[in-house]
Amino acid sequence: MNEDPVIESSGNVFTDLGFSLEEATLLAMRAELMAKLRETIAEKGWTQIQAAEQLGIGQSRVSDLVRGKWEKFSLDMLVTLATRVGRQVELSV
């Protein structure tokens, strides 16, 4: 029985999927911010309507966020949303 070889991850799933290093870095940052926002919403026990009020966006945008639709959010918007719910966003180079 032939098994597929195990390929070690680069540490960034987007790089592993073939995105350029620059795009993979931005996508990873967006994914991390979205995960932290979803985590905050869950920790606070907010409904989507309550989260929308706190984030200053519509409920349908919260739905996109919760469902992981990363393509609908710019990095700038995600930093803004994280700041609105009290998360401190830092960039490390």
PDB file of N, CA and C in Angstrom:
ATOM      1  N   MET A   1       0.840  -1.180   0.000  1.00  0.00           N
ATOM      2  CA  MET A   1       0.000   0.000   0.000  1.00  0.00           C
ATOM      3  C   MET A   1       0.886   1.243   0.000  1.00  0.00           C
ATOM      4  N   ASN A   2       0.723   2.104  -0.985  1.00  0.00           N
ATOM      5  CA  ASN A   2       1.488   3.342  -1.058  1.00  0.00           C
ATOM      6  C   ASN A   2       0.847   4.409  -0.202  1.00  0.00           C
ATOM      7  N   GLU A   3       1.646   5.005   0.668  1.00  0.00           N
ATOM      8  CA  GLU A   3       1.154   6.113   1.475  1.00  0.00           C
ATOM      9  C   GLU A   3       1.742   7.405   0.927  1.00  0.00           C
ATOM     10  N   ASP A   4       0.951   8.459   0.986  1.00  0.00           N
ATOM     11  CA  ASP A   4       1.455   9.757   0.554  1.00  0.00           C
ATOM     12  C   ASP A   4       2.566  10.184   1.503  1.00  0.00           C
ATOM     13  N   PRO A   5       3.605  10.807   0.970  1.00  0.00           N
ATOM     14  CA  PRO A   5       4.680  11.267   1.850  1.00  0.00           C
ATOM     15  C   PRO A   5       4.197  12.408   2.733  1.00  0.00           C
ATOM     16  N   VAL A   6       4.753  12.469   3.916  1.00  0.00           N
ATOM     17  CA  VAL A   6       4.439  13.553   4.832  1.00  0.00           C
ATOM     18  C   VAL A   6       5.356  14.722   4.487  1.00  0.00           C
ATOM     19  N   ILE A   7       4.754  15.860   4.243  1.00  0.00           N
ATOM     20  CA  ILE A   7       5.524  17.054   3.912  1.00  0.00           C
ATOM     21  C   ILE A   7       5.425  18.011   5.087  1.00  0.00           C
ATOM     22  N   GLU A   8       6.558  18.421   5.593  1.00  0.00           N
ATOM     23  CA  GLU A   8       6.581  19.321   6.734  1.00  0.00           C
ATOM     24  C   GLU A   8       6.072  20.708   6.336  1.00  0.00           C
ATOM     25  N   SER A   9       5.267  21.302   7.201  1.00  0.00           N
ATOM     26  CA  SER A   9       4.713  22.627   6.943  1.00  0.00           C
ATOM     27  C   SER A   9       5.788  23.694   7.084  1.00  0.00           C
ATOM     28  N   SER A  10       5.607  24.752   6.333  1.00  0.00           N
ATOM     29  CA  SER A  10       6.507  25.899   6.441  1.00  0.00           C
ATOM     30  C   SER A  10       6.180  26.735   7.672  1.00  0.00           C
ATOM     31  N   GLY A  11       5.039  26.466   8.287  1.00  0.00           N
ATOM     32  CA  GLY A  11       4.577  27.279   9.408  1.00  0.00           C
ATOM     33  C   GLY A  11       3.501  28.264   8.994  1.00  0.00           C
ATOM     34  N   ASN A  12       3.276  28.391   7.696  1.00  0.00           N
ATOM     35  CA  ASN A  12       2.227  29.261   7.179  1.00  0.00           C
ATOM     36  C   ASN A  12       1.447  28.466   6.133  1.00  0.00           C
ATOM     37  N   VAL A  13       0.230  28.124   6.462  1.00  0.00           N
ATOM     38  CA  VAL A  13      -0.586  27.294   5.579  1.00  0.00           C
ATOM     39  C   VAL A  13      -0.760  27.933   4.204  1.00  0.00           C
ATOM     40  N   PHE A  14      -0.779  29.255   4.156  1.00  0.00           N
ATOM     41  CA  PHE A  14      -0.977  29.937   2.879  1.00  0.00           C
ATOM     42  C   PHE A  14       0.252  29.792   1.971  1.00  0.00           C
ATOM     43  N   THR A  15       1.430  29.798   2.560  1.00  0.00           N
ATOM     44  CA  THR A  15       2.644  29.526   1.786  1.00  0.00           C
ATOM     45  C   THR A  15       2.591  28.095   1.268  1.00  0.00           C
ATOM     46  N   ASP A  16       2.189  27.177   2.143  1.00  0.00           N
ATOM     47  CA  ASP A  16       2.081  25.766   1.756  1.00  0.00           C
ATOM     48  C   ASP A  16       1.085  25.571   0.618  1.00  0.00           C
ATOM     49  N   LEU A  17       0.078  26.438   0.547  1.00  0.00           N
ATOM     50  CA  LEU A  17      -0.921  26.342  -0.517  1.00  0.00           C
ATOM     51  C   LEU A  17      -0.474  27.012  -1.814  1.00  0.00           C
ATOM     52  N   GLY A  18       0.707  27.615  -1.806  1.00  0.00           N
ATOM     53  CA  GLY A  18       1.254  28.158  -3.037  1.00  0.00           C
ATOM     54  C   GLY A  18       1.157  29.660  -3.212  1.00  0.00           C
ATOM     55  N   PHE A  19       0.670  30.363  -2.192  1.00  0.00           N
ATOM     56  CA  PHE A  19       0.630  31.824  -2.278  1.00  0.00           C
ATOM     57  C   PHE A  19       2.051  32.371  -2.173  1.00  0.00           C
ATOM     58  N   SER A  20       2.291  33.533  -2.765  1.00  0.00           N
ATOM     59  CA  SER A  20       3.600  34.169  -2.636  1.00  0.00           C
ATOM     60  C   SER A  20       3.837  34.476  -1.161  1.00  0.00           C
ATOM     61  N   LEU A  21       5.087  34.648  -0.790  1.00  0.00           N
ATOM     62  CA  LEU A  21       5.423  34.924   0.604  1.00  0.00           C
ATOM     63  C   LEU A  21       4.715  36.177   1.112  1.00  0.00           C
ATOM     64  N   GLU A  22       4.658  37.207   0.269  1.00  0.00           N
ATOM     65  CA  GLU A  22       4.014  38.457   0.673  1.00  0.00           C
ATOM     66  C   GLU A  22       2.526  38.256   0.929  1.00  0.00           C
ATOM     67  N   GLU A  23       1.857  37.611  -0.025  1.00  0.00           N
ATOM     68  CA  GLU A  23       0.413  37.398   0.122  1.00  0.00           C
ATOM     69  C   GLU A  23       0.123  36.433   1.268  1.00  0.00           C
ATOM     70  N   ALA A  24       0.936  35.407   1.411  1.00  0.00           N
ATOM     71  CA  ALA A  24       0.743  34.432   2.493  1.00  0.00           C
ATOM     72  C   ALA A  24       0.868  35.101   3.854  1.00  0.00           C
ATOM     73  N   THR A  25       1.784  36.035   3.980  1.00  0.00           N
ATOM     74  CA  THR A  25       1.961  36.754   5.244  1.00  0.00           C
ATOM     75  C   THR A  25       0.723  37.578   5.576  1.00  0.00           C
ATOM     76  N   LEU A  26       0.208  38.311   4.593  1.00  0.00           N
ATOM     77  CA  LEU A  26      -1.006  39.104   4.809  1.00  0.00           C
ATOM     78  C   LEU A  26      -2.210  38.219   5.131  1.00  0.00           C
ATOM     79  N   LEU A  27      -2.349  37.117   4.418  1.00  0.00           N
ATOM     80  CA  LEU A  27      -3.472  36.205   4.664  1.00  0.00           C
ATOM     81  C   LEU A  27      -3.391  35.595   6.056  1.00  0.00           C
ATOM     82  N   ALA A  28      -2.194  35.252   6.496  1.00  0.00           N
ATOM     83  CA  ALA A  28      -2.027  34.688   7.840  1.00  0.00           C
ATOM     84  C   ALA A  28      -2.386  35.718   8.904  1.00  0.00           C
ATOM     85  N   MET A  29      -2.003  36.969   8.689  1.00  0.00           N
ATOM     86  CA  MET A  29      -2.355  38.025   9.638  1.00  0.00           C
ATOM     87  C   MET A  29      -3.868  38.210   9.707  1.00  0.00           C
ATOM     88  N   ARG A  30      -4.506  38.210   8.553  1.00  0.00           N
ATOM     89  CA  ARG A  30      -5.970  38.359   8.521  1.00  0.00           C
ATOM     90  C   ARG A  30      -6.635  37.177   9.220  1.00  0.00           C
ATOM     91  N   ALA A  31      -6.149  35.978   8.962  1.00  0.00           N
ATOM     92  CA  ALA A  31      -6.738  34.787   9.580  1.00  0.00           C
ATOM     93  C   ALA A  31      -6.596  34.833  11.100  1.00  0.00           C
ATOM     94  N   GLU A  32      -5.436  35.267  11.579  1.00  0.00           N
ATOM     95  CA  GLU A  32      -5.225  35.344  13.025  1.00  0.00           C
ATOM     96  C   GLU A  32      -6.144  36.377  13.667  1.00  0.00           C
ATOM     97  N   LEU A  33      -6.273  37.535  13.038  1.00  0.00           N
ATOM     98  CA  LEU A  33      -7.166  38.560  13.577  1.00  0.00           C
ATOM     99  C   LEU A  33      -8.612  38.089  13.592  1.00  0.00           C
ATOM    100  N   MET A  34      -9.028  37.413  12.530  1.00  0.00           N
ATOM    101  CA  MET A  34     -10.405  36.902  12.491  1.00  0.00           C
ATOM    102  C   MET A  34     -10.630  35.877  13.599  1.00  0.00           C
ATOM    103  N   ALA A  35      -9.662  35.020  13.823  1.00  0.00           N
ATOM    104  CA  ALA A  35      -9.782  34.013  14.882  1.00  0.00           C
ATOM    105  C   ALA A  35      -9.901  34.682  16.246  1.00  0.00           C
ATOM    106  N   LYS A  36      -9.103  35.715  16.480  1.00  0.00           N
ATOM    107  CA  LYS A  36      -9.162  36.431  17.764  1.00  0.00           C
ATOM    108  C   LYS A  36     -10.504  37.149  17.931  1.00  0.00           C
ATOM    109  N   LEU A  37     -11.028  37.691  16.857  1.00  0.00           N
ATOM    110  CA  LEU A  37     -12.344  38.345  16.938  1.00  0.00           C
ATOM    111  C   LEU A  37     -13.437  37.328  17.231  1.00  0.00           C
ATOM    112  N   ARG A  38     -13.396  36.180  16.567  1.00  0.00           N
ATOM    113  CA  ARG A  38     -14.381  35.124  16.851  1.00  0.00           C
ATOM    114  C   ARG A  38     -14.255  34.659  18.299  1.00  0.00           C
ATOM    115  N   GLU A  39     -13.026  34.541  18.776  1.00  0.00           N
ATOM    116  CA  GLU A  39     -12.769  34.146  20.157  1.00  0.00           C
ATOM    117  C   GLU A  39     -13.370  35.159  21.125  1.00  0.00           C
ATOM    118  N   THR A  40     -13.185  36.443  20.864  1.00  0.00           N
ATOM    119  CA  THR A  40     -13.736  37.494  21.714  1.00  0.00           C
ATOM    120  C   THR A  40     -15.254  37.433  21.744  1.00  0.00           C
ATOM    121  N   ILE A  41     -15.867  37.266  20.586  1.00  0.00           N
ATOM    122  CA  ILE A  41     -17.332  37.175  20.505  1.00  0.00           C
ATOM    123  C   ILE A  41     -17.837  36.000  21.341  1.00  0.00           C
ATOM    124  N   ALA A  42     -17.156  34.865  21.232  1.00  0.00           N
ATOM    125  CA  ALA A  42     -17.566  33.676  21.995  1.00  0.00           C
ATOM    126  C   ALA A  42     -17.348  33.876  23.496  1.00  0.00           C
ATOM    127  N   GLU A  43     -16.189  34.443  23.872  1.00  0.00           N
ATOM    128  CA  GLU A  43     -15.888  34.677  25.290  1.00  0.00           C
ATOM    129  C   GLU A  43     -16.906  35.600  25.938  1.00  0.00           C
ATOM    130  N   LYS A  44     -17.347  36.622  25.205  1.00  0.00           N
ATOM    131  CA  LYS A  44     -18.304  37.588  25.742  1.00  0.00           C
ATOM    132  C   LYS A  44     -19.734  37.054  25.696  1.00  0.00           C
ATOM    133  N   GLY A  45     -19.935  35.960  24.952  1.00  0.00           N
ATOM    134  CA  GLY A  45     -21.271  35.390  24.839  1.00  0.00           C
ATOM    135  C   GLY A  45     -22.222  36.237  24.025  1.00  0.00           C
ATOM    136  N   TRP A  46     -21.667  37.045  23.125  1.00  0.00           N
ATOM    137  CA  TRP A  46     -22.489  37.937  22.321  1.00  0.00           C
ATOM    138  C   TRP A  46     -23.231  37.185  21.231  1.00  0.00           C
ATOM    139  N   THR A  47     -24.455  37.609  20.987  1.00  0.00           N
ATOM    140  CA  THR A  47     -25.157  37.176  19.784  1.00  0.00           C
ATOM    141  C   THR A  47     -24.542  37.952  18.621  1.00  0.00           C
ATOM    142  N   GLN A  48     -24.892  37.581  17.412  1.00  0.00           N
ATOM    143  CA  GLN A  48     -24.376  38.324  16.267  1.00  0.00           C
ATOM    144  C   GLN A  48     -24.856  39.773  16.287  1.00  0.00           C
ATOM    145  N   ILE A  49     -26.059  39.994  16.757  1.00  0.00           N
ATOM    146  CA  ILE A  49     -26.585  41.362  16.837  1.00  0.00           C
ATOM    147  C   ILE A  49     -25.814  42.171  17.871  1.00  0.00           C
ATOM    148  N   GLN A  50     -25.534  41.572  19.027  1.00  0.00           N
ATOM    149  CA  GLN A  50     -24.754  42.263  20.054  1.00  0.00           C
ATOM    150  C   GLN A  50     -23.330  42.539  19.564  1.00  0.00           C
ATOM    151  N   ALA A  51     -22.737  41.561  18.883  1.00  0.00           N
ATOM    152  CA  ALA A  51     -21.384  41.736  18.344  1.00  0.00           C
ATOM    153  C   ALA A  51     -21.372  42.864  17.318  1.00  0.00           C
ATOM    154  N   ALA A  52     -22.404  42.917  16.497  1.00  0.00           N
ATOM    155  CA  ALA A  52     -22.497  43.975  15.487  1.00  0.00           C
ATOM    156  C   ALA A  52     -22.517  45.350  16.149  1.00  0.00           C
ATOM    157  N   GLU A  53     -23.270  45.474  17.240  1.00  0.00           N
ATOM    158  CA  GLU A  53     -23.339  46.742  17.956  1.00  0.00           C
ATOM    159  C   GLU A  53     -21.973  47.129  18.514  1.00  0.00           C
ATOM    160  N   GLN A  54     -21.277  46.166  19.110  1.00  0.00           N
ATOM    161  CA  GLN A  54     -19.966  46.424  19.703  1.00  0.00           C
ATOM    162  C   GLN A  54     -18.910  46.743  18.649  1.00  0.00           C
ATOM    163  N   LEU A  55     -19.004  46.066  17.508  1.00  0.00           N
ATOM    164  CA  LEU A  55     -18.017  46.246  16.444  1.00  0.00           C
ATOM    165  C   LEU A  55     -18.329  47.434  15.536  1.00  0.00           C
ATOM    166  N   GLY A  56     -19.570  47.909  15.588  1.00  0.00           N
ATOM    167  CA  GLY A  56     -19.966  49.026  14.736  1.00  0.00           C
ATOM    168  C   GLY A  56     -20.142  48.629  13.283  1.00  0.00           C
ATOM    169  N   ILE A  57     -20.595  47.388  13.075  1.00  0.00           N
ATOM    170  CA  ILE A  57     -20.844  46.878  11.724  1.00  0.00           C
ATOM    171  C   ILE A  57     -22.209  46.196  11.704  1.00  0.00           C
ATOM    172  N   GLY A  58     -22.679  45.842  10.529  1.00  0.00           N
ATOM    173  CA  GLY A  58     -23.959  45.156  10.415  1.00  0.00           C
ATOM    174  C   GLY A  58     -23.865  43.686  10.819  1.00  0.00           C
ATOM    175  N   GLN A  59     -25.007  43.116  11.176  1.00  0.00           N
ATOM    176  CA  GLN A  59     -25.052  41.714  11.588  1.00  0.00           C
ATOM    177  C   GLN A  59     -24.582  40.791  10.480  1.00  0.00           C
ATOM    178  N   SER A  60     -24.862  41.123   9.225  1.00  0.00           N
ATOM    179  CA  SER A  60     -24.428  40.254   8.124  1.00  0.00           C
ATOM    180  C   SER A  60     -22.899  40.211   8.029  1.00  0.00           C
ATOM    181  N   ARG A  61     -22.237  41.327   8.392  1.00  0.00           N
ATOM    182  CA  ARG A  61     -20.764  41.349   8.409  1.00  0.00           C
ATOM    183  C   ARG A  61     -20.233  40.481   9.546  1.00  0.00           C
ATOM    184  N   VAL A  62     -20.927  40.485  10.681  1.00  0.00           N
ATOM    185  CA  VAL A  62     -20.527  39.608  11.786  1.00  0.00           C
ATOM    186  C   VAL A  62     -20.665  38.154  11.342  1.00  0.00           C
ATOM    187  N   SER A  63     -21.729  37.851  10.634  1.00  0.00           N
ATOM    188  CA  SER A  63     -21.925  36.495  10.107  1.00  0.00           C
ATOM    189  C   SER A  63     -20.752  36.099   9.209  1.00  0.00           C
ATOM    190  N   ASP A  64     -20.327  37.008   8.337  1.00  0.00           N
ATOM    191  CA  ASP A  64     -19.168  36.738   7.472  1.00  0.00           C
ATOM    192  C   ASP A  64     -17.919  36.476   8.310  1.00  0.00           C
ATOM    193  N   LEU A  65     -17.752  37.258   9.349  1.00  0.00           N
ATOM    194  CA  LEU A  65     -16.601  37.118  10.232  1.00  0.00           C
ATOM    195  C   LEU A  65     -16.609  35.761  10.933  1.00  0.00           C
ATOM    196  N   VAL A  66     -17.741  35.425  11.516  1.00  0.00           N
ATOM    197  CA  VAL A  66     -17.876  34.170  12.255  1.00  0.00           C
ATOM    198  C   VAL A  66     -17.696  32.962  11.325  1.00  0.00           C
ATOM    199  N   ARG A  67     -18.129  33.102  10.091  1.00  0.00           N
ATOM    200  CA  ARG A  67     -18.023  32.005   9.128  1.00  0.00           C
ATOM    201  C   ARG A  67     -16.664  31.941   8.443  1.00  0.00           C
ATOM    202  N   GLY A  68     -15.761  32.860   8.822  1.00  0.00           N
ATOM    203  CA  GLY A  68     -14.395  32.815   8.315  1.00  0.00           C
ATOM    204  C   GLY A  68     -14.226  33.283   6.879  1.00  0.00           C
ATOM    205  N   LYS A  69     -15.083  34.153   6.432  1.00  0.00           N
ATOM    206  CA  LYS A  69     -14.997  34.659   5.059  1.00  0.00           C
ATOM    207  C   LYS A  69     -13.932  35.752   4.981  1.00  0.00           C
ATOM    208  N   TRP A  70     -12.684  35.328   5.067  1.00  0.00           N
ATOM    209  CA  TRP A  70     -11.552  36.243   5.151  1.00  0.00           C
ATOM    210  C   TRP A  70     -11.438  37.166   3.945  1.00  0.00           C
ATOM    211  N   GLU A  71     -11.926  36.716   2.794  1.00  0.00           N
ATOM    212  CA  GLU A  71     -11.799  37.532   1.587  1.00  0.00           C
ATOM    213  C   GLU A  71     -12.649  38.798   1.647  1.00  0.00           C
ATOM    214  N   LYS A  72     -13.571  38.850   2.609  1.00  0.00           N
ATOM    215  CA  LYS A  72     -14.460  40.007   2.723  1.00  0.00           C
ATOM    216  C   LYS A  72     -13.934  41.088   3.675  1.00  0.00           C
ATOM    217  N   PHE A  73     -12.749  40.846   4.261  1.00  0.00           N
ATOM    218  CA  PHE A  73     -12.215  41.782   5.244  1.00  0.00           C
ATOM    219  C   PHE A  73     -10.774  42.143   4.911  1.00  0.00           C
ATOM    220  N   SER A  74     -10.508  43.436   4.862  1.00  0.00           N
ATOM    221  CA  SER A  74      -9.130  43.898   4.681  1.00  0.00           C
ATOM    222  C   SER A  74      -8.407  43.811   6.026  1.00  0.00           C
ATOM    223  N   LEU A  75      -7.115  43.831   5.962  1.00  0.00           N
ATOM    224  CA  LEU A  75      -6.319  43.841   7.184  1.00  0.00           C
ATOM    225  C   LEU A  75      -6.637  45.086   8.000  1.00  0.00           C
ATOM    226  N   ASP A  76      -6.779  46.226   7.330  1.00  0.00           N
ATOM    227  CA  ASP A  76      -7.130  47.475   8.025  1.00  0.00           C
ATOM    228  C   ASP A  76      -8.436  47.339   8.797  1.00  0.00           C
ATOM    229  N   MET A  77      -9.448  46.765   8.163  1.00  0.00           N
ATOM    230  CA  MET A  77     -10.750  46.617   8.821  1.00  0.00           C
ATOM    231  C   MET A  77     -10.649  45.691  10.026  1.00  0.00           C
ATOM    232  N   LEU A  78      -9.899  44.611   9.895  1.00  0.00           N
ATOM    233  CA  LEU A  78      -9.765  43.661  11.005  1.00  0.00           C
ATOM    234  C   LEU A  78      -9.028  44.287  12.188  1.00  0.00           C
ATOM    235  N   VAL A  79      -8.026  45.111  11.916  1.00  0.00           N
ATOM    236  CA  VAL A  79      -7.321  45.816  12.993  1.00  0.00           C
ATOM    237  C   VAL A  79      -8.296  46.774  13.679  1.00  0.00           C
ATOM    238  N   THR A  80      -9.088  47.479  12.901  1.00  0.00           N
ATOM    239  CA  THR A  80     -10.089  48.401  13.450  1.00  0.00           C
ATOM    240  C   THR A  80     -11.082  47.658  14.340  1.00  0.00           C
ATOM    241  N   LEU A  81     -11.593  46.537  13.864  1.00  0.00           N
ATOM    242  CA  LEU A  81     -12.574  45.762  14.637  1.00  0.00           C
ATOM    243  C   LEU A  81     -11.963  45.230  15.929  1.00  0.00           C
ATOM    244  N   ALA A  82     -10.745  44.725  15.839  1.00  0.00           N
ATOM    245  CA  ALA A  82     -10.078  44.199  17.033  1.00  0.00           C
ATOM    246  C   ALA A  82      -9.892  45.301  18.075  1.00  0.00           C
ATOM    247  N   THR A  83      -9.531  46.484  17.624  1.00  0.00           N
ATOM    248  CA  THR A  83      -9.351  47.618  18.527  1.00  0.00           C
ATOM    249  C   THR A  83     -10.676  48.013  19.174  1.00  0.00           C
ATOM    250  N   ARG A  84     -11.749  47.961  18.421  1.00  0.00           N
ATOM    251  CA  ARG A  84     -13.072  48.334  18.944  1.00  0.00           C
ATOM    252  C   ARG A  84     -13.527  47.425  20.083  1.00  0.00           C
ATOM    253  N   VAL A  85     -13.057  46.187  20.105  1.00  0.00           N
ATOM    254  CA  VAL A  85     -13.465  45.268  21.182  1.00  0.00           C
ATOM    255  C   VAL A  85     -12.383  45.129  22.252  1.00  0.00           C
ATOM    256  N   GLY A  86     -11.415  46.055  22.221  1.00  0.00           N
ATOM    257  CA  GLY A  86     -10.427  46.099  23.292  1.00  0.00           C
ATOM    258  C   GLY A  86      -9.198  45.241  23.092  1.00  0.00           C
ATOM    259  N   ARG A  87      -9.040  44.670  21.920  1.00  0.00           N
ATOM    260  CA  ARG A  87      -7.831  43.888  21.637  1.00  0.00           C
ATOM    261  C   ARG A  87      -6.720  44.853  21.228  1.00  0.00           C
ATOM    262  N   GLN A  88      -5.513  44.609  21.730  1.00  0.00           N
ATOM    263  CA  GLN A  88      -4.369  45.403  21.317  1.00  0.00           C
ATOM    264  C   GLN A  88      -3.672  44.654  20.194  1.00  0.00           C
ATOM    265  N   VAL A  89      -3.544  45.303  19.065  1.00  0.00           N
ATOM    266  CA  VAL A  89      -2.914  44.685  17.896  1.00  0.00           C
ATOM    267  C   VAL A  89      -1.493  45.204  17.791  1.00  0.00           C
ATOM    268  N   GLU A  90      -0.545  44.273  17.701  1.00  0.00           N
ATOM    269  CA  GLU A  90       0.861  44.635  17.579  1.00  0.00           C
ATOM    270  C   GLU A  90       1.441  43.958  16.357  1.00  0.00           C
ATOM    271  N   LEU A  91       2.374  44.620  15.723  1.00  0.00           N
ATOM    272  CA  LEU A  91       3.076  44.078  14.580  1.00  0.00           C
ATOM    273  C   LEU A  91       4.499  43.785  15.006  1.00  0.00           C
ATOM    274  N   SER A  92       4.966  42.600  14.720  1.00  0.00           N
ATOM    275  CA  SER A  92       6.329  42.218  15.054  1.00  0.00           C
ATOM    276  C   SER A  92       7.065  41.884  13.774  1.00  0.00           C
ATOM    277  N   VAL A  93       8.231  42.495  13.600  1.00  0.00           N
ATOM    278  CA  VAL A  93       9.028  42.257  12.401  1.00  0.00           C
ATOM    279  C   VAL A  93      10.334  41.611  12.804  1.00  0.00           C
TER     280      VAL A  93
END
